[in-house]
PDB file of N, CA and C in Angstrom:
ATOM      1  N   MET A   1      25.386  76.072 -19.729  1.00  0.00           N
ATOM      2  CA  MET A   1      25.845  77.179 -18.892  1.00  0.00           C
ATOM      3  C   MET A   1      25.292  78.304 -19.289  1.00  0.00           C
ATOM      4  N   SER A   2      25.081  79.226 -18.245  1.00  0.00           N
ATOM      5  CA  SER A   2      24.396  80.436 -18.500  1.00  0.00           C
ATOM      6  C   SER A   2      25.575  81.538 -18.934  1.00  0.00           C
ATOM      7  N   GLU A   3      25.104  82.528 -19.468  1.00  0.00           N
ATOM      8  CA  GLU A   3      26.037  83.530 -19.883  1.00  0.00           C
ATOM      9  C   GLU A   3      26.812  84.129 -18.805  1.00  0.00           C
ATOM     10  N   HIS A   4      26.128  84.285 -17.574  1.00  0.00           N
ATOM     11  CA  HIS A   4      26.665  84.697 -16.444  1.00  0.00           C
ATOM     12  C   HIS A   4      27.919  83.935 -15.881  1.00  0.00           C
ATOM     13  N   GLU A   5      27.852  82.621 -16.010  1.00  0.00           N
ATOM     14  CA  GLU A   5      28.853  81.745 -15.609  1.00  0.00           C
ATOM     15  C   GLU A   5      30.052  81.827 -16.492  1.00  0.00           C
ATOM     16  N   LEU A   6      29.882  81.993 -17.790  1.00  0.00           N
ATOM     17  CA  LEU A   6      31.000  82.038 -18.612  1.00  0.00           C
ATOM     18  C   LEU A   6      31.704  83.362 -18.486  1.00  0.00           C
ATOM     19  N   ASP A   7      31.186  84.464 -18.128  1.00  0.00           N
ATOM     20  CA  ASP A   7      31.760  85.812 -17.921  1.00  0.00           C
ATOM     21  C   ASP A   7      32.432  85.937 -16.582  1.00  0.00           C
ATOM     22  N   ARG A   8      32.161  85.155 -15.619  1.00  0.00           N
ATOM     23  CA  ARG A   8      32.852  85.372 -14.297  1.00  0.00           C
ATOM     24  C   ARG A   8      34.265  85.078 -14.330  1.00  0.00           C
ATOM     25  N   PRO A   9      35.074  85.914 -13.555  1.00  0.00           N
ATOM     26  CA  PRO A   9      36.569  85.539 -13.626  1.00  0.00           C
ATOM     27  C   PRO A   9      36.837  84.343 -12.714  1.00  0.00           C
ATOM     28  N   VAL A  10      37.942  83.718 -13.057  1.00  0.00           N
ATOM     29  CA  VAL A  10      38.354  82.496 -12.322  1.00  0.00           C
ATOM     30  C   VAL A  10      38.982  82.852 -11.074  1.00  0.00           C
ATOM     31  N   LEU A  11      38.544  82.430  -9.859  1.00  0.00           N
ATOM     32  CA  LEU A  11      39.066  82.782  -8.667  1.00  0.00           C
ATOM     33  C   LEU A  11      40.461  82.022  -8.513  1.00  0.00           C
ATOM     34  N   TRP A  12      41.298  82.738  -7.701  1.00  0.00           N
ATOM     35  CA  TRP A  12      42.531  82.202  -7.617  1.00  0.00           C
ATOM     36  C   TRP A  12      42.624  80.767  -6.805  1.00  0.00           C
ATOM     37  N   ARG A  13      41.688  80.580  -5.928  1.00  0.00           N
ATOM     38  CA  ARG A  13      41.641  79.196  -5.308  1.00  0.00           C
ATOM     39  C   ARG A  13      41.219  78.207  -6.328  1.00  0.00           C
ATOM     40  N   GLU A  14      40.436  78.552  -7.202  1.00  0.00           N
ATOM     41  CA  GLU A  14      39.945  77.672  -8.280  1.00  0.00           C
ATOM     42  C   GLU A  14      41.086  77.262  -9.352  1.00  0.00           C
ATOM     43  N   ALA A  15      41.924  78.234  -9.638  1.00  0.00           N
ATOM     44  CA  ALA A  15      42.948  78.243 -10.548  1.00  0.00           C
ATOM     45  C   ALA A  15      44.064  77.516 -10.000  1.00  0.00           C
ATOM     46  N   HIS A  16      44.375  77.598  -8.718  1.00  0.00           N
ATOM     47  CA  HIS A  16      45.546  77.006  -7.991  1.00  0.00           C
ATOM     48  C   HIS A  16      45.144  76.256  -6.738  1.00  0.00           C
ATOM     49  N   PRO A  17      44.513  74.913  -6.968  1.00  0.00           N
ATOM     50  CA  PRO A  17      44.065  74.251  -5.792  1.00  0.00           C
ATOM     51  C   PRO A  17      45.157  73.785  -4.890  1.00  0.00           C
ATOM     52  N   ASP A  18      46.394  73.436  -5.528  1.00  0.00           N
ATOM     53  CA  ASP A  18      47.369  73.005  -4.622  1.00  0.00           C
ATOM     54  C   ASP A  18      47.793  73.942  -3.497  1.00  0.00           C
ATOM     55  N   ALA A  19      48.032  75.189  -4.123  1.00  0.00           N
ATOM     56  CA  ALA A  19      48.349  76.267  -3.218  1.00  0.00           C
ATOM     57  C   ALA A  19      47.423  76.628  -2.260  1.00  0.00           C
ATOM     58  N   TYR A  20      46.171  76.644  -2.619  1.00  0.00           N
ATOM     59  CA  TYR A  20      45.055  77.001  -1.808  1.00  0.00           C
ATOM     60  C   TYR A  20      44.807  75.995  -0.666  1.00  0.00           C
ATOM     61  N   ALA A  21      45.024  74.587  -1.106  1.00  0.00           N
ATOM     62  CA  ALA A  21      44.969  73.607   0.085  1.00  0.00           C
ATOM     63  C   ALA A  21      46.064  73.738   1.009  1.00  0.00           C
ATOM     64  N   GLU A  22      47.276  74.141   0.593  1.00  0.00           N
ATOM     65  CA  GLU A  22      48.439  74.350   1.546  1.00  0.00           C
ATOM     66  C   GLU A  22      48.120  75.540   2.485  1.00  0.00           C
ATOM     67  N   LEU A  23      47.517  76.587   1.853  1.00  0.00           N
ATOM     68  CA  LEU A  23      47.170  77.841   2.775  1.00  0.00           C
ATOM     69  C   LEU A  23      46.178  77.495   3.777  1.00  0.00           C
ATOM     70  N   LYS A  24      45.166  76.737   3.388  1.00  0.00           N
ATOM     71  CA  LYS A  24      44.154  76.228   4.321  1.00  0.00           C
ATOM     72  C   LYS A  24      44.613  75.413   5.441  1.00  0.00           C
ATOM     73  N   ARG A  25      45.522  74.444   5.008  1.00  0.00           N
ATOM     74  CA  ARG A  25      46.309  73.610   6.111  1.00  0.00           C
ATOM     75  C   ARG A  25      46.962  74.396   7.022  1.00  0.00           C
ATOM     76  N   THR A  26      47.730  75.558   6.491  1.00  0.00           N
ATOM     77  CA  THR A  26      48.414  76.483   7.302  1.00  0.00           C
ATOM     78  C   THR A  26      47.624  77.135   8.406  1.00  0.00           C
ATOM     79  N   TRP A  27      46.428  77.545   8.016  1.00  0.00           N
ATOM     80  CA  TRP A  27      45.609  78.142   8.972  1.00  0.00           C
ATOM     81  C   TRP A  27      45.095  77.206  10.066  1.00  0.00           C
ATOM     82  N   GLY A  28      44.968  75.871   9.770  1.00  0.00           N
ATOM     83  CA  GLY A  28      44.773  74.836  10.884  1.00  0.00           C
ATOM     84  C   GLY A  28      45.914  74.806  11.698  1.00  0.00           C
ATOM     85  N   VAL A  29      47.182  74.696  11.156  1.00  0.00           N
ATOM     86  CA  VAL A  29      48.384  74.566  11.842  1.00  0.00           C
ATOM     87  C   VAL A  29      48.508  75.787  12.798  1.00  0.00           C
ATOM     88  N   ILE A  30      48.195  77.106  12.246  1.00  0.00           N
ATOM     89  CA  ILE A  30      48.369  78.268  13.020  1.00  0.00           C
ATOM     90  C   ILE A  30      47.549  78.175  14.310  1.00  0.00           C
ATOM     91  N   GLY A  31      46.279  77.619  13.964  1.00  0.00           N
ATOM     92  CA  GLY A  31      45.279  77.411  15.271  1.00  0.00           C
ATOM     93  C   GLY A  31      45.886  76.449  16.287  1.00  0.00           C
ATOM     94  N   HIS A  32      46.411  75.329  15.886  1.00  0.00           N
ATOM     95  CA  HIS A  32      46.895  74.375  16.838  1.00  0.00           C
ATOM     96  C   HIS A  32      48.173  74.902  17.447  1.00  0.00           C
ATOM     97  N   SER A  33      48.947  75.550  16.767  1.00  0.00           N
ATOM     98  CA  SER A  33      50.150  76.248  17.241  1.00  0.00           C
ATOM     99  C   SER A  33      49.752  77.265  18.387  1.00  0.00           C
ATOM    100  N   SER A  34      48.731  77.958  18.184  1.00  0.00           N
ATOM    101  CA  SER A  34      48.190  78.996  19.018  1.00  0.00           C
ATOM    102  C   SER A  34      47.818  78.333  20.317  1.00  0.00           C
ATOM    103  N   VAL A  35      47.198  77.289  20.140  1.00  0.00           N
ATOM    104  CA  VAL A  35      46.737  76.374  21.384  1.00  0.00           C
ATOM    105  C   VAL A  35      47.941  75.974  22.285  1.00  0.00           C
ATOM    106  N   LEU A  36      48.779  75.376  21.454  1.00  0.00           N
ATOM    107  CA  LEU A  36      50.210  75.123  22.177  1.00  0.00           C
ATOM    108  C   LEU A  36      50.863  76.182  22.990  1.00  0.00           C
ATOM    109  N   MET A  37      50.882  77.338  22.291  1.00  0.00           N
ATOM    110  CA  MET A  37      51.459  78.496  22.949  1.00  0.00           C
ATOM    111  C   MET A  37      50.674  78.879  24.276  1.00  0.00           C
ATOM    112  N   VAL A  38      49.394  78.827  24.095  1.00  0.00           N
ATOM    113  CA  VAL A  38      48.611  79.215  25.290  1.00  0.00           C
ATOM    114  C   VAL A  38      48.702  78.144  26.441  1.00  0.00           C
ATOM    115  N   LEU A  39      48.828  76.920  25.973  1.00  0.00           N
ATOM    116  CA  LEU A  39      49.132  75.889  26.966  1.00  0.00           C
ATOM    117  C   LEU A  39      50.520  75.984  27.613  1.00  0.00           C
ATOM    118  N   SER A  40      51.455  76.569  26.836  1.00  0.00           N
ATOM    119  CA  SER A  40      52.722  76.751  27.430  1.00  0.00           C
ATOM    120  C   SER A  40      52.737  77.875  28.420  1.00  0.00           C
ATOM    121  N   LEU A  41      51.987  78.935  28.082  1.00  0.00           N
ATOM    122  CA  LEU A  41      51.904  80.062  29.117  1.00  0.00           C
ATOM    123  C   LEU A  41      51.113  79.550  30.357  1.00  0.00           C
ATOM    124  N   SER A  42      50.269  78.683  30.201  1.00  0.00           N
ATOM    125  CA  SER A  42      49.379  78.104  31.482  1.00  0.00           C
ATOM    126  C   SER A  42      50.369  77.483  32.171  1.00  0.00           C
ATOM    127  N   LEU A  43      51.278  76.631  31.664  1.00  0.00           N
ATOM    128  CA  LEU A  43      52.280  75.826  32.364  1.00  0.00           C
ATOM    129  C   LEU A  43      53.240  76.631  33.054  1.00  0.00           C
ATOM    130  N   ILE A  44      53.591  77.752  32.372  1.00  0.00           N
ATOM    131  CA  ILE A  44      54.438  78.684  33.102  1.00  0.00           C
ATOM    132  C   ILE A  44      53.846  79.238  34.289  1.00  0.00           C
ATOM    133  N   GLY A  45      52.620  79.617  34.212  1.00  0.00           N
ATOM    134  CA  GLY A  45      51.885  80.231  35.373  1.00  0.00           C
ATOM    135  C   GLY A  45      51.816  79.196  36.491  1.00  0.00           C
ATOM    136  N   THR A  46      51.540  77.848  36.083  1.00  0.00           N
ATOM    137  CA  THR A  46      51.532  76.870  37.086  1.00  0.00           C
ATOM    138  C   THR A  46      52.660  76.554  37.675  1.00  0.00           C
ATOM    139  N   SER A  47      53.752  76.717  36.966  1.00  0.00           N
ATOM    140  CA  SER A  47      55.196  76.466  37.592  1.00  0.00           C
ATOM    141  C   SER A  47      55.386  77.672  38.582  1.00  0.00           C
ATOM    142  N   LEU A  48      55.034  78.874  38.264  1.00  0.00           N
ATOM    143  CA  LEU A  48      55.218  79.995  39.184  1.00  0.00           C
ATOM    144  C   LEU A  48      54.410  79.908  40.362  1.00  0.00           C
ATOM    145  N   THR A  49      53.026  79.240  40.204  1.00  0.00           N
ATOM    146  CA  THR A  49      52.170  79.235  41.323  1.00  0.00           C
ATOM    147  C   THR A  49      52.710  78.197  42.281  1.00  0.00           C
ATOM    148  N   LEU A  50      53.227  76.970  41.867  1.00  0.00           N
ATOM    149  CA  LEU A  50      53.773  76.034  42.810  1.00  0.00           C
ATOM    150  C   LEU A  50      54.658  76.543  43.679  1.00  0.00           C
ATOM    151  N   GLY A  51      55.442  77.612  43.300  1.00  0.00           N
ATOM    152  CA  GLY A  51      56.471  78.153  44.273  1.00  0.00           C
ATOM    153  C   GLY A  51      55.858  78.775  45.588  1.00  0.00           C
ATOM    154  N   PHE A  52      54.633  79.061  45.384  1.00  0.00           N
ATOM    155  CA  PHE A  52      53.912  79.797  46.596  1.00  0.00           C
ATOM    156  C   PHE A  52      53.267  78.750  47.477  1.00  0.00           C
ATOM    157  N   LEU A  53      53.073  77.429  47.029  1.00  0.00           N
ATOM    158  CA  LEU A  53      52.468  76.340  47.822  1.00  0.00           C
ATOM    159  C   LEU A  53      53.670  75.781  48.748  1.00  0.00           C
ATOM    160  N   HIS A  54      53.192  75.469  49.925  1.00  0.00           N
ATOM    161  CA  HIS A  54      54.220  74.907  50.990  1.00  0.00           C
ATOM    162  C   HIS A  54      54.179  73.269  50.766  1.00  0.00           C
ATOM    163  N   LEU A  55      55.046  72.957  49.796  1.00  0.00           N
ATOM    164  CA  LEU A  55      55.289  71.559  49.521  1.00  0.00           C
ATOM    165  C   LEU A  55      56.746  71.346  50.025  1.00  0.00           C
ATOM    166  N   PRO A  56      56.956  69.915  50.184  1.00  0.00           N
ATOM    167  CA  PRO A  56      58.258  69.550  50.646  1.00  0.00           C
ATOM    168  C   PRO A  56      59.318  69.989  49.474  1.00  0.00           C
ATOM    169  N   GLY A  57      60.533  70.264  49.823  1.00  0.00           N
ATOM    170  CA  GLY A  57      61.568  70.814  48.868  1.00  0.00           C
ATOM    171  C   GLY A  57      61.630  70.088  47.558  1.00  0.00           C
ATOM    172  N   TRP A  58      61.793  68.681  47.682  1.00  0.00           N
ATOM    173  CA  TRP A  58      61.995  67.947  46.641  1.00  0.00           C
ATOM    174  C   TRP A  58      60.804  67.866  45.648  1.00  0.00           C
ATOM    175  N   LEU A  59      59.590  67.798  46.355  1.00  0.00           N
ATOM    176  CA  LEU A  59      58.375  67.745  45.473  1.00  0.00           C
ATOM    177  C   LEU A  59      58.084  68.943  44.691  1.00  0.00           C
ATOM    178  N   ALA A  60      58.369  70.218  45.438  1.00  0.00           N
ATOM    179  CA  ALA A  60      58.266  71.420  44.736  1.00  0.00           C
ATOM    180  C   ALA A  60      59.210  71.714  43.489  1.00  0.00           C
ATOM    181  N   THR A  61      60.401  71.213  43.853  1.00  0.00           N
ATOM    182  CA  THR A  61      61.437  71.239  42.670  1.00  0.00           C
ATOM    183  C   THR A  61      61.154  70.358  41.540  1.00  0.00           C
ATOM    184  N   VAL A  62      60.659  69.180  41.708  1.00  0.00           N
ATOM    185  CA  VAL A  62      60.255  68.237  40.886  1.00  0.00           C
ATOM    186  C   VAL A  62      59.036  68.784  39.968  1.00  0.00           C
ATOM    187  N   ALA A  63      58.058  69.314  40.712  1.00  0.00           N
ATOM    188  CA  ALA A  63      56.792  69.857  40.017  1.00  0.00           C
ATOM    189  C   ALA A  63      57.055  70.993  39.257  1.00  0.00           C
ATOM    190  N   ARG A  64      58.012  71.935  39.716  1.00  0.00           N
ATOM    191  CA  ARG A  64      58.418  73.111  38.932  1.00  0.00           C
ATOM    192  C   ARG A  64      59.176  72.829  37.702  1.00  0.00           C
ATOM    193  N   LEU A  65      60.152  71.793  37.959  1.00  0.00           N
ATOM    194  CA  LEU A  65      60.973  71.478  36.749  1.00  0.00           C
ATOM    195  C   LEU A  65      60.076  70.732  35.745  1.00  0.00           C
ATOM    196  N   GLY A  66      59.172  69.983  36.134  1.00  0.00           N
ATOM    197  CA  GLY A  66      58.231  69.148  35.202  1.00  0.00           C
ATOM    198  C   GLY A  66      57.397  70.127  34.483  1.00  0.00           C
ATOM    199  N   THR A  67      56.734  71.023  35.095  1.00  0.00           N
ATOM    200  CA  THR A  67      55.951  72.098  34.375  1.00  0.00           C
ATOM    201  C   THR A  67      56.783  73.100  33.512  1.00  0.00           C
ATOM    202  N   SER A  68      57.869  73.349  33.965  1.00  0.00           N
ATOM    203  CA  SER A  68      58.750  74.248  33.164  1.00  0.00           C
ATOM    204  C   SER A  68      59.247  73.412  31.881  1.00  0.00           C
ATOM    205  N   ALA A  69      59.636  72.257  31.963  1.00  0.00           N
ATOM    206  CA  ALA A  69      59.950  71.436  30.873  1.00  0.00           C
ATOM    207  C   ALA A  69      58.802  71.259  29.851  1.00  0.00           C
ATOM    208  N   ALA A  70      57.596  71.067  30.359  1.00  0.00           N
ATOM    209  CA  ALA A  70      56.415  70.687  29.675  1.00  0.00           C
ATOM    210  C   ALA A  70      56.068  72.161  28.786  1.00  0.00           C
ATOM    211  N   ALA A  71      56.287  73.272  29.396  1.00  0.00           N
ATOM    212  CA  ALA A  71      55.997  74.610  28.984  1.00  0.00           C
ATOM    213  C   ALA A  71      56.923  74.778  27.850  1.00  0.00           C
ATOM    214  N   VAL A  72      58.282  74.611  28.023  1.00  0.00           N
ATOM    215  CA  VAL A  72      59.330  74.750  26.991  1.00  0.00           C
ATOM    216  C   VAL A  72      58.958  73.789  25.783  1.00  0.00           C
ATOM    217  N   GLY A  73      58.670  72.506  26.076  1.00  0.00           N
ATOM    218  CA  GLY A  73      58.311  71.516  25.015  1.00  0.00           C
ATOM    219  C   GLY A  73      57.066  71.949  24.091  1.00  0.00           C
ATOM    220  N   CYS A  74      55.944  72.412  24.808  1.00  0.00           N
ATOM    221  CA  CYS A  74      54.898  72.974  24.068  1.00  0.00           C
ATOM    222  C   CYS A  74      55.194  74.081  23.334  1.00  0.00           C
ATOM    223  N   GLY A  75      55.904  75.023  23.890  1.00  0.00           N
ATOM    224  CA  GLY A  75      56.306  76.272  23.099  1.00  0.00           C
ATOM    225  C   GLY A  75      57.232  75.883  21.907  1.00  0.00           C
ATOM    226  N   VAL A  76      58.172  75.021  22.038  1.00  0.00           N
ATOM    227  CA  VAL A  76      58.998  74.775  20.958  1.00  0.00           C
ATOM    228  C   VAL A  76      58.312  73.933  19.828  1.00  0.00           C
ATOM    229  N   VAL A  77      57.432  72.915  20.170  1.00  0.00           N
ATOM    230  CA  VAL A  77      56.637  72.304  19.162  1.00  0.00           C
ATOM    231  C   VAL A  77      55.772  73.253  18.459  1.00  0.00           C
ATOM    232  N   GLY A  78      55.062  74.105  19.216  1.00  0.00           N
ATOM    233  CA  GLY A  78      54.198  75.190  18.643  1.00  0.00           C
ATOM    234  C   GLY A  78      54.917  75.987  17.627  1.00  0.00           C
ATOM    235  N   LEU A  79      55.912  76.535  18.021  1.00  0.00           N
ATOM    236  CA  LEU A  79      56.812  77.488  17.161  1.00  0.00           C
ATOM    237  C   LEU A  79      57.243  76.729  15.919  1.00  0.00           C
ATOM    238  N   TRP A  80      57.774  75.456  16.128  1.00  0.00           N
ATOM    239  CA  TRP A  80      58.409  74.700  15.053  1.00  0.00           C
ATOM    240  C   TRP A  80      57.297  74.461  14.090  1.00  0.00           C
ATOM    241  N   ARG A  81      56.010  74.026  14.393  1.00  0.00           N
ATOM    242  CA  ARG A  81      54.982  73.816  13.567  1.00  0.00           C
ATOM    243  C   ARG A  81      54.555  75.010  12.850  1.00  0.00           C
ATOM    244  N   LEU A  82      54.589  76.147  13.491  1.00  0.00           N
ATOM    245  CA  LEU A  82      54.197  77.446  13.012  1.00  0.00           C
ATOM    246  C   LEU A  82      55.122  77.742  11.816  1.00  0.00           C
ATOM    247  N   ILE A  83      56.430  77.694  12.158  1.00  0.00           N
ATOM    248  CA  ILE A  83      57.366  78.235  11.152  1.00  0.00           C
ATOM    249  C   ILE A  83      57.357  77.192   9.971  1.00  0.00           C
ATOM    250  N   ARG A  84      57.355  75.873  10.060  1.00  0.00           N
ATOM    251  CA  ARG A  84      57.307  74.952   9.220  1.00  0.00           C
ATOM    252  C   ARG A  84      56.096  75.143   8.200  1.00  0.00           C
ATOM    253  N   ALA A  85      54.921  75.423   8.746  1.00  0.00           N
ATOM    254  CA  ALA A  85      53.641  75.741   7.961  1.00  0.00           C
ATOM    255  C   ALA A  85      53.808  76.902   7.206  1.00  0.00           C
ATOM    256  N   LEU A  86      54.413  77.967   7.715  1.00  0.00           N
ATOM    257  CA  LEU A  86      54.473  79.250   7.005  1.00  0.00           C
ATOM    258  C   LEU A  86      55.466  79.014   5.982  1.00  0.00           C
ATOM    259  N   PHE A  87      56.535  78.282   6.107  1.00  0.00           N
ATOM    260  CA  PHE A  87      57.594  78.072   5.051  1.00  0.00           C
ATOM    261  C   PHE A  87      56.936  77.300   3.903  1.00  0.00           C
ATOM    262  N   ARG A  88      56.141  76.196   4.231  1.00  0.00           N
ATOM    263  CA  ARG A  88      55.436  75.453   3.138  1.00  0.00           C
ATOM    264  C   ARG A  88      54.484  76.357   2.362  1.00  0.00           C
ATOM    265  N   SER A  89      53.732  77.197   3.128  1.00  0.00           N
ATOM    266  CA  SER A  89      52.724  77.949   2.478  1.00  0.00           C
ATOM    267  C   SER A  89      53.500  78.822   1.403  1.00  0.00           C
ATOM    268  N   VAL A  90      54.573  79.682   1.866  1.00  0.00           N
ATOM    269  CA  VAL A  90      55.267  80.453   0.929  1.00  0.00           C
ATOM    270  C   VAL A  90      55.891  79.682  -0.230  1.00  0.00           C
ATOM    271  N   ARG A  91      56.360  78.452   0.190  1.00  0.00           N
ATOM    272  CA  ARG A  91      57.041  77.727  -0.984  1.00  0.00           C
ATOM    273  C   ARG A  91      55.863  77.287  -1.969  1.00  0.00           C
ATOM    274  N   ALA A  92      54.634  77.051  -1.563  1.00  0.00           N
ATOM    275  CA  ALA A  92      53.497  76.732  -2.460  1.00  0.00           C
ATOM    276  C   ALA A  92      53.163  77.732  -3.233  1.00  0.00           C
ATOM    277  N   VAL A  93      53.131  78.932  -2.649  1.00  0.00           N
ATOM    278  CA  VAL A  93      52.697  80.261  -3.487  1.00  0.00           C
ATOM    279  C   VAL A  93      53.876  80.273  -4.525  1.00  0.00           C
ATOM    280  N   ILE A  94      55.064  80.325  -4.140  1.00  0.00           N
ATOM    281  CA  ILE A  94      56.152  80.670  -5.104  1.00  0.00           C
ATOM    282  C   ILE A  94      56.053  79.569  -6.264  1.00  0.00           C
ATOM    283  N   ARG A  95      55.800  78.345  -5.818  1.00  0.00           N
ATOM    284  CA  ARG A  95      55.833  77.240  -6.889  1.00  0.00           C
ATOM    285  C   ARG A  95      54.711  77.585  -7.909  1.00  0.00           C
ATOM    286  N   THR A  96      53.513  78.051  -7.375  1.00  0.00           N
ATOM    287  CA  THR A  96      52.337  78.287  -8.246  1.00  0.00           C
ATOM    288  C   THR A  96      52.593  79.515  -9.135  1.00  0.00           C
ATOM    289  N   ARG A  97      53.303  80.521  -8.560  1.00  0.00           N
ATOM    290  CA  ARG A  97      53.563  81.497  -9.446  1.00  0.00           C
ATOM    291  C   ARG A  97      54.547  81.079 -10.555  1.00  0.00           C
ATOM    292  N   ARG A  98      55.553  80.308 -10.150  1.00  0.00           N
ATOM    293  CA  ARG A  98      56.560  79.786 -11.354  1.00  0.00           C
ATOM    294  C   ARG A  98      55.816  78.904 -12.302  1.00  0.00           C
ATOM    295  N   ARG A  99      54.799  78.181 -11.958  1.00  0.00           N
ATOM    296  CA  ARG A  99      54.048  77.355 -12.803  1.00  0.00           C
ATOM    297  C   ARG A  99      53.241  78.227 -13.679  1.00  0.00           C
ATOM    298  N   GLY A 100      52.639  79.279 -13.134  1.00  0.00           N
ATOM    299  CA  GLY A 100      51.940  80.254 -13.820  1.00  0.00           C
ATOM    300  C   GLY A 100      52.569  81.002 -14.934  1.00  0.00           C
ATOM    301  N   VAL A 101      53.774  81.504 -14.696  1.00  0.00           N
ATOM    302  CA  VAL A 101      54.616  82.106 -15.725  1.00  0.00           C
ATOM    303  C   VAL A 101      55.151  81.060 -16.651  1.00  0.00           C
ATOM    304  N   GLY A 102      55.567  79.900 -16.128  1.00  0.00           N
ATOM    305  CA  GLY A 102      55.961  78.855 -17.154  1.00  0.00           C
ATOM    306  C   GLY A 102      54.974  78.426 -17.958  1.00  0.00           C
ATOM    307  N   GLY A 103      53.818  78.248 -17.384  1.00  0.00           N
ATOM    308  CA  GLY A 103      52.528  77.817 -18.136  1.00  0.00           C
ATOM    309  C   GLY A 103      52.190  78.702 -19.242  1.00  0.00           C
ATOM    310  N   ARG A 104      52.251  80.076 -18.931  1.00  0.00           N
ATOM    311  CA  ARG A 104      51.893  81.070 -19.993  1.00  0.00           C
ATOM    312  C   ARG A 104      52.937  81.036 -21.059  1.00  0.00           C
ATOM    313  N   ALA A 105      54.282  80.966 -20.657  1.00  0.00           N
ATOM    314  CA  ALA A 105      55.281  81.062 -21.665  1.00  0.00           C
ATOM    315  C   ALA A 105      55.192  79.795 -22.472  1.00  0.00           C
ATOM    316  N   GLN A 106      54.941  78.506 -21.930  1.00  0.00           N
ATOM    317  CA  GLN A 106      54.805  77.413 -22.735  1.00  0.00           C
ATOM    318  C   GLN A 106      53.623  77.422 -23.740  1.00  0.00           C
ATOM    319  N   GLY A 107      52.484  77.999 -23.267  1.00  0.00           N
ATOM    320  CA  GLY A 107      51.355  78.036 -23.891  1.00  0.00           C
ATOM    321  C   GLY A 107      51.537  79.052 -25.198  1.00  0.00           C
ATOM    322  N   ALA A 108      52.248  79.969 -24.947  1.00  0.00           N
ATOM    323  CA  ALA A 108      52.619  81.034 -26.072  1.00  0.00           C
ATOM    324  C   ALA A 108      53.490  80.389 -27.012  1.00  0.00           C
ATOM    325  N   ALA A 109      54.348  79.606 -26.551  1.00  0.00           N
ATOM    326  CA  ALA A 109      55.467  79.027 -27.502  1.00  0.00           C
ATOM    327  C   ALA A 109      54.638  77.955 -28.257  1.00  0.00           C
ATOM    328  N   ALA A 110      53.757  77.232 -27.566  1.00  0.00           N
ATOM    329  CA  ALA A 110      53.065  76.093 -28.302  1.00  0.00           C
ATOM    330  C   ALA A 110      52.114  76.818 -29.388  1.00  0.00           C
ATOM    331  N   GLU A 111      51.552  77.973 -29.248  1.00  0.00           N
ATOM    332  CA  GLU A 111      50.795  78.606 -30.187  1.00  0.00           C
ATOM    333  C   GLU A 111      51.489  79.015 -31.409  1.00  0.00           C
ATOM    334  N   ASP A 112      52.770  79.530 -31.105  1.00  0.00           N
ATOM    335  CA  ASP A 112      53.666  79.977 -32.196  1.00  0.00           C
ATOM    336  C   ASP A 112      54.138  78.835 -33.127  1.00  0.00           C
ATOM    337  N   THR A 113      54.386  77.679 -32.517  1.00  0.00           N
ATOM    338  CA  THR A 113      55.023  76.553 -33.207  1.00  0.00           C
ATOM    339  C   THR A 113      54.013  75.701 -33.926  1.00  0.00           C
ATOM    340  N   GLN A 114      52.833  75.830 -33.775  1.00  0.00           N
ATOM    341  CA  GLN A 114      51.757  74.988 -34.588  1.00  0.00           C
ATOM    342  C   GLN A 114      51.929  75.292 -35.987  1.00  0.00           C
ATOM    343  N   PRO A 115      51.979  74.040 -36.732  1.00  0.00           N
ATOM    344  CA  PRO A 115      52.103  74.152 -38.131  1.00  0.00           C
ATOM    345  C   PRO A 115      50.755  74.693 -38.801  1.00  0.00           C
ATOM    346  N   GLU A 116      50.885  75.390 -39.758  1.00  0.00           N
ATOM    347  CA  GLU A 116      49.615  75.921 -40.499  1.00  0.00           C
ATOM    348  C   GLU A 116      49.070  74.607 -41.427  1.00  0.00           C
ATOM    349  N   THR A 117      47.839  74.424 -41.358  1.00  0.00           N
ATOM    350  CA  THR A 117      47.245  73.430 -42.104  1.00  0.00           C
ATOM    351  C   THR A 117      47.201  73.847 -43.708  1.00  0.00           C
ATOM    352  N   ALA A 118      47.700  72.846 -44.277  1.00  0.00           N
ATOM    353  CA  ALA A 118      47.711  73.013 -45.851  1.00  0.00           C
ATOM    354  C   ALA A 118      46.414  72.976 -46.531  1.00  0.00           C
ATOM    355  N   PRO A 119      46.000  73.663 -47.470  1.00  0.00           N
ATOM    356  CA  PRO A 119      44.836  73.554 -48.083  1.00  0.00           C
ATOM    357  C   PRO A 119      44.498  72.043 -48.736  1.00  0.00           C
ATOM    358  N   ALA A 120      43.477  71.588 -48.719  1.00  0.00           N
ATOM    359  CA  ALA A 120      43.406  70.233 -49.302  1.00  0.00           C
ATOM    360  C   ALA A 120      43.401  70.331 -50.777  1.00  0.00           C
ATOM    361  N   ALA A 121      44.346  69.301 -51.296  1.00  0.00           N
ATOM    362  CA  ALA A 121      44.527  69.179 -52.533  1.00  0.00           C
ATOM    363  C   ALA A 121      43.274  68.613 -53.335  1.00  0.00           C
ATOM    364  N   ALA A 122      42.911  69.276 -54.567  1.00  0.00           N
ATOM    365  CA  ALA A 122      41.727  68.690 -55.331  1.00  0.00           C
ATOM    366  C   ALA A 122      42.266  67.489 -56.061  1.00  0.00           C
ATOM    367  N   SER A 123      41.423  66.468 -55.939  1.00  0.00           N
ATOM    368  CA  SER A 123      41.772  65.230 -56.599  1.00  0.00           C
ATOM    369  C   SER A 123      41.251  65.107 -58.027  1.00  0.00           C
TER     370      SER A 123
END
């Protein structure tokens, strides 16, 4: 190893791969949730547009109720996934911080409790 590699500080993501993986996964879920929210808005627009078409009464009602239900479903699923992913990320970061504090405390305690080596007796 070169001297430069030994002096570089350890990145947070290298020190805590579990929390970094959870945060990375959260960004993916945020992207998928955003797509579901946009789809929900598109379905709301479709539902409103169907009102201007001259369809038979029952067909317009069924189409509007179907698109409205789909919009609500997409919105609820997107929002649920977003909230769940954010909760998991916060939990992973908190768990990482607790491990870091606990690890430092355990490491310090272990250093204090190591017995001193006795000098070798001459035979």
